[in-house]
């Protein structure tokens, strides 16, 4: 490559505007758009299905189910004992 020492390159006002203001703003906007797009995808694909996130953001109302009378093994055990030895 051949260099020309007698020619000087000068930047115009548009070049300074582009270099100082426009390019950094566009870079920041591009980065933020990628972050928001990634967050949107994560929200739609994964986070909406996590029960803790659903409860925090009120996406699902917690249903209260009535508990059955004889619901566990301990209850059945004591019922059998009481049936075999009734109180006098």
N, C-alpha and C. Protein backbone atom coordinates (compact mmCIF):
# COMPACT_ATOMS: atom_id res chain seq x y z
N UNK A 1 0.84 -1.16 0.00
CA UNK A 1 0.00 0.00 0.00
C UNK A 1 0.89 1.24 0.00
N UNK A 2 0.41 2.18 -0.65
CA UNK A 2 1.16 3.43 -0.80
C UNK A 2 0.56 4.50 0.10
N UNK A 3 1.39 5.19 0.84
CA UNK A 3 0.89 6.24 1.69
C UNK A 3 1.20 7.59 1.08
N UNK A 4 0.33 8.53 1.34
CA UNK A 4 0.48 9.87 0.80
C UNK A 4 0.68 10.85 1.96
N UNK A 5 1.91 11.23 2.25
CA UNK A 5 2.13 12.11 3.39
C UNK A 5 1.61 13.52 3.17
N UNK A 6 1.46 13.99 1.91
CA UNK A 6 1.00 15.35 1.71
C UNK A 6 -0.51 15.49 1.92
N UNK A 7 -1.25 14.38 1.86
CA UNK A 7 -2.70 14.48 2.04
C UNK A 7 -3.06 14.31 3.51
N UNK A 8 -3.85 15.21 4.00
CA UNK A 8 -4.32 15.10 5.37
C UNK A 8 -5.82 14.79 5.35
N UNK A 9 -6.18 13.91 6.22
CA UNK A 9 -7.58 13.54 6.30
C UNK A 9 -8.22 14.33 7.42
N UNK A 10 -9.30 15.00 7.10
CA UNK A 10 -10.01 15.75 8.14
C UNK A 10 -11.42 15.18 8.27
N UNK A 11 -11.87 15.17 9.49
CA UNK A 11 -13.21 14.66 9.75
C UNK A 11 -14.21 15.78 9.64
N UNK A 12 -15.34 15.46 9.06
CA UNK A 12 -16.42 16.45 8.96
C UNK A 12 -17.23 16.45 10.26
N UNK A 13 -18.17 17.36 10.34
CA UNK A 13 -19.03 17.42 11.53
C UNK A 13 -19.87 16.15 11.66
N UNK A 14 -20.29 15.60 10.53
CA UNK A 14 -21.08 14.37 10.56
C UNK A 14 -20.27 13.21 11.12
N UNK A 15 -18.98 13.15 10.78
CA UNK A 15 -18.13 12.08 11.30
C UNK A 15 -17.99 12.19 12.81
N UNK A 16 -17.80 13.39 13.33
CA UNK A 16 -17.71 13.58 14.78
C UNK A 16 -19.03 13.22 15.45
N UNK A 17 -20.14 13.66 14.87
CA UNK A 17 -21.46 13.34 15.43
C UNK A 17 -21.68 11.83 15.46
N UNK A 18 -21.32 11.18 14.37
CA UNK A 18 -21.50 9.74 14.27
C UNK A 18 -20.61 9.02 15.28
N UNK A 19 -19.37 9.44 15.40
CA UNK A 19 -18.42 8.75 16.26
C UNK A 19 -18.70 8.99 17.74
N UNK A 20 -19.07 10.21 18.10
CA UNK A 20 -19.23 10.56 19.50
C UNK A 20 -20.62 10.25 20.04
N UNK A 21 -21.64 10.47 19.25
CA UNK A 21 -23.00 10.36 19.77
C UNK A 21 -23.79 9.20 19.17
N UNK A 22 -23.82 9.11 17.88
CA UNK A 22 -24.71 8.17 17.22
C UNK A 22 -24.30 6.71 17.44
N UNK A 23 -23.03 6.38 17.25
CA UNK A 23 -22.59 5.00 17.39
C UNK A 23 -22.75 4.47 18.82
N UNK A 24 -22.39 5.22 19.86
CA UNK A 24 -22.62 4.69 21.22
C UNK A 24 -24.10 4.51 21.55
N UNK A 25 -24.93 5.43 21.09
CA UNK A 25 -26.37 5.30 21.35
C UNK A 25 -26.92 4.07 20.65
N UNK A 26 -26.52 3.85 19.42
CA UNK A 26 -26.99 2.67 18.69
C UNK A 26 -26.46 1.39 19.33
N UNK A 27 -25.24 1.41 19.82
CA UNK A 27 -24.69 0.22 20.48
C UNK A 27 -25.46 -0.09 21.76
N UNK A 28 -25.78 0.93 22.53
CA UNK A 28 -26.55 0.73 23.77
C UNK A 28 -27.96 0.23 23.45
N UNK A 29 -28.59 0.81 22.44
CA UNK A 29 -29.93 0.35 22.05
C UNK A 29 -29.91 -1.10 21.57
N UNK A 30 -28.89 -1.45 20.81
CA UNK A 30 -28.77 -2.83 20.33
C UNK A 30 -28.61 -3.79 21.51
N UNK A 31 -27.76 -3.44 22.47
CA UNK A 31 -27.54 -4.29 23.63
C UNK A 31 -28.81 -4.43 24.46
N UNK A 32 -29.49 -3.32 24.71
CA UNK A 32 -30.74 -3.38 25.48
C UNK A 32 -31.81 -4.18 24.75
N UNK A 33 -31.88 -4.05 23.44
CA UNK A 33 -32.88 -4.82 22.70
C UNK A 33 -32.59 -6.31 22.80
N UNK A 34 -31.31 -6.71 22.76
CA UNK A 34 -30.99 -8.13 22.94
C UNK A 34 -31.35 -8.62 24.34
N UNK A 35 -31.09 -7.79 25.34
CA UNK A 35 -31.45 -8.17 26.71
C UNK A 35 -32.96 -8.31 26.88
N UNK A 36 -33.71 -7.36 26.37
CA UNK A 36 -35.17 -7.43 26.49
C UNK A 36 -35.75 -8.60 25.70
N UNK A 37 -35.18 -8.87 24.53
CA UNK A 37 -35.65 -10.00 23.74
C UNK A 37 -35.37 -11.31 24.46
N UNK A 38 -34.17 -11.43 25.06
CA UNK A 38 -33.83 -12.63 25.82
C UNK A 38 -34.73 -12.80 27.03
N UNK A 39 -35.02 -11.70 27.74
CA UNK A 39 -35.92 -11.76 28.89
C UNK A 39 -37.32 -12.16 28.46
N UNK A 40 -37.79 -11.61 27.35
CA UNK A 40 -39.13 -11.95 26.85
C UNK A 40 -39.22 -13.44 26.52
N UNK A 41 -38.20 -13.97 25.84
CA UNK A 41 -38.21 -15.40 25.53
C UNK A 41 -38.16 -16.25 26.79
N UNK A 42 -37.32 -15.87 27.74
CA UNK A 42 -37.24 -16.63 28.99
C UNK A 42 -38.57 -16.58 29.73
N UNK A 43 -39.22 -15.42 29.72
CA UNK A 43 -40.51 -15.27 30.41
C UNK A 43 -41.56 -16.16 29.77
N UNK A 44 -41.66 -16.10 28.44
CA UNK A 44 -42.70 -16.85 27.75
C UNK A 44 -42.46 -18.36 27.78
N UNK A 45 -41.19 -18.77 27.70
CA UNK A 45 -40.91 -20.20 27.57
C UNK A 45 -40.69 -20.90 28.90
N UNK A 46 -40.14 -20.21 29.90
CA UNK A 46 -39.74 -20.90 31.12
C UNK A 46 -40.40 -20.31 32.36
N UNK A 47 -40.23 -19.03 32.57
CA UNK A 47 -40.57 -18.43 33.85
C UNK A 47 -42.07 -18.46 34.16
N UNK A 48 -42.90 -18.44 33.14
CA UNK A 48 -44.35 -18.45 33.36
C UNK A 48 -44.78 -19.78 33.98
N UNK A 49 -44.02 -20.82 33.75
CA UNK A 49 -44.39 -22.15 34.23
C UNK A 49 -43.84 -22.47 35.61
N UNK A 50 -43.03 -21.59 36.19
CA UNK A 50 -42.45 -21.83 37.52
C UNK A 50 -43.48 -21.40 38.57
N UNK A 51 -43.85 -22.30 39.48
CA UNK A 51 -44.89 -21.96 40.45
C UNK A 51 -44.56 -20.76 41.34
N UNK A 52 -43.30 -20.63 41.73
CA UNK A 52 -42.92 -19.49 42.57
C UNK A 52 -43.14 -18.17 41.84
N UNK A 53 -42.78 -18.12 40.58
CA UNK A 53 -42.98 -16.90 39.78
C UNK A 53 -44.47 -16.64 39.60
N UNK A 54 -45.24 -17.69 39.38
CA UNK A 54 -46.68 -17.52 39.24
C UNK A 54 -47.29 -16.94 40.50
N UNK A 55 -46.82 -17.40 41.65
CA UNK A 55 -47.38 -16.91 42.90
C UNK A 55 -46.97 -15.46 43.17
N UNK A 56 -45.72 -15.12 42.86
CA UNK A 56 -45.24 -13.75 43.09
C UNK A 56 -45.98 -12.75 42.23
N UNK A 57 -46.16 -13.06 40.96
CA UNK A 57 -46.78 -12.11 40.04
C UNK A 57 -48.29 -12.26 39.94
N UNK A 58 -48.88 -13.16 40.72
CA UNK A 58 -50.33 -13.31 40.73
C UNK A 58 -50.88 -13.90 39.46
N UNK A 59 -50.12 -14.77 38.81
CA UNK A 59 -50.59 -15.38 37.57
C UNK A 59 -51.52 -16.55 37.83
N UNK A 60 -51.41 -17.12 39.01
CA UNK A 60 -52.26 -18.27 39.35
C UNK A 60 -52.78 -18.07 40.75
N UNK A 61 -54.05 -18.22 40.91
CA UNK A 61 -54.62 -18.12 42.25
C UNK A 61 -54.49 -19.48 42.92
N UNK A 62 -54.07 -19.43 44.17
CA UNK A 62 -53.88 -20.65 44.92
C UNK A 62 -55.23 -21.21 45.33
N UNK A 63 -55.51 -22.42 44.87
CA UNK A 63 -56.77 -23.07 45.19
C UNK A 63 -56.64 -23.80 46.53
N UNK A 64 -57.63 -23.61 47.38
CA UNK A 64 -57.64 -24.27 48.68
C UNK A 64 -58.59 -25.45 48.58
N UNK A 65 -58.03 -26.64 48.72
CA UNK A 65 -58.85 -27.85 48.66
C UNK A 65 -59.16 -28.29 50.08
N UNK A 66 -60.41 -28.69 50.33
CA UNK A 66 -60.72 -29.20 51.67
C UNK A 66 -59.99 -30.53 51.90
N UNK A 67 -59.49 -30.68 53.11
CA UNK A 67 -58.75 -31.90 53.44
C UNK A 67 -59.73 -33.01 53.81
N UNK A 68 -59.49 -34.21 53.31
CA UNK A 68 -60.38 -35.33 53.66
C UNK A 68 -60.20 -35.72 55.13
N UNK A 69 -61.24 -36.32 55.68
CA UNK A 69 -61.23 -36.67 57.11
C UNK A 69 -60.15 -37.70 57.43
N UNK A 70 -60.09 -38.78 56.70
CA UNK A 70 -59.08 -39.82 56.94
C UNK A 70 -58.06 -39.78 55.83
N UNK A 71 -57.13 -38.86 55.91
CA UNK A 71 -56.27 -38.63 54.76
C UNK A 71 -54.92 -39.32 54.83
N UNK A 72 -54.49 -39.77 55.98
CA UNK A 72 -53.14 -40.31 56.06
C UNK A 72 -53.07 -41.63 56.78
N UNK A 73 -51.90 -42.19 56.78
CA UNK A 73 -51.71 -43.48 57.43
C UNK A 73 -51.85 -43.37 58.95
N UNK A 74 -51.44 -42.25 59.50
CA UNK A 74 -51.53 -42.10 60.96
C UNK A 74 -52.98 -42.09 61.40
N UNK A 75 -53.83 -41.41 60.66
CA UNK A 75 -55.25 -41.36 60.99
C UNK A 75 -55.85 -42.76 60.90
N UNK A 76 -55.49 -43.50 59.85
CA UNK A 76 -56.01 -44.86 59.70
C UNK A 76 -55.52 -45.75 60.82
N UNK A 77 -54.27 -45.58 61.24
CA UNK A 77 -53.70 -46.38 62.32
C UNK A 77 -54.48 -46.16 63.62
N UNK A 78 -54.71 -44.89 63.97
CA UNK A 78 -55.43 -44.61 65.21
C UNK A 78 -56.90 -45.03 65.12
N UNK A 79 -57.47 -44.94 63.95
CA UNK A 79 -58.85 -45.40 63.80
C UNK A 79 -58.95 -46.91 64.04
N UNK A 80 -57.95 -47.66 63.55
CA UNK A 80 -57.96 -49.10 63.77
C UNK A 80 -57.77 -49.44 65.25
N UNK A 81 -56.90 -48.70 65.92
CA UNK A 81 -56.69 -48.94 67.35
C UNK A 81 -57.96 -48.66 68.13
N UNK A 82 -58.62 -47.55 67.83
CA UNK A 82 -59.86 -47.20 68.51
C UNK A 82 -60.97 -48.20 68.21
N UNK A 83 -60.97 -48.77 67.02
CA UNK A 83 -62.00 -49.75 66.67
C UNK A 83 -61.76 -51.05 67.42
N UNK A 84 -60.50 -51.41 67.64
CA UNK A 84 -60.20 -52.66 68.34
C UNK A 84 -60.39 -52.52 69.84
N UNK A 85 -60.06 -51.36 70.41
CA UNK A 85 -60.18 -51.14 71.84
C UNK A 85 -61.11 -49.93 72.09
N UNK A 86 -62.39 -50.14 72.06
CA UNK A 86 -63.27 -49.01 72.30
C UNK A 86 -63.17 -48.51 73.73
N UNK A 87 -63.32 -47.24 73.90
CA UNK A 87 -63.26 -46.66 75.24
C UNK A 87 -64.47 -47.09 76.05
N UNK A 88 -64.27 -47.36 77.34
CA UNK A 88 -65.36 -47.85 78.17
C UNK A 88 -66.02 -46.75 78.93
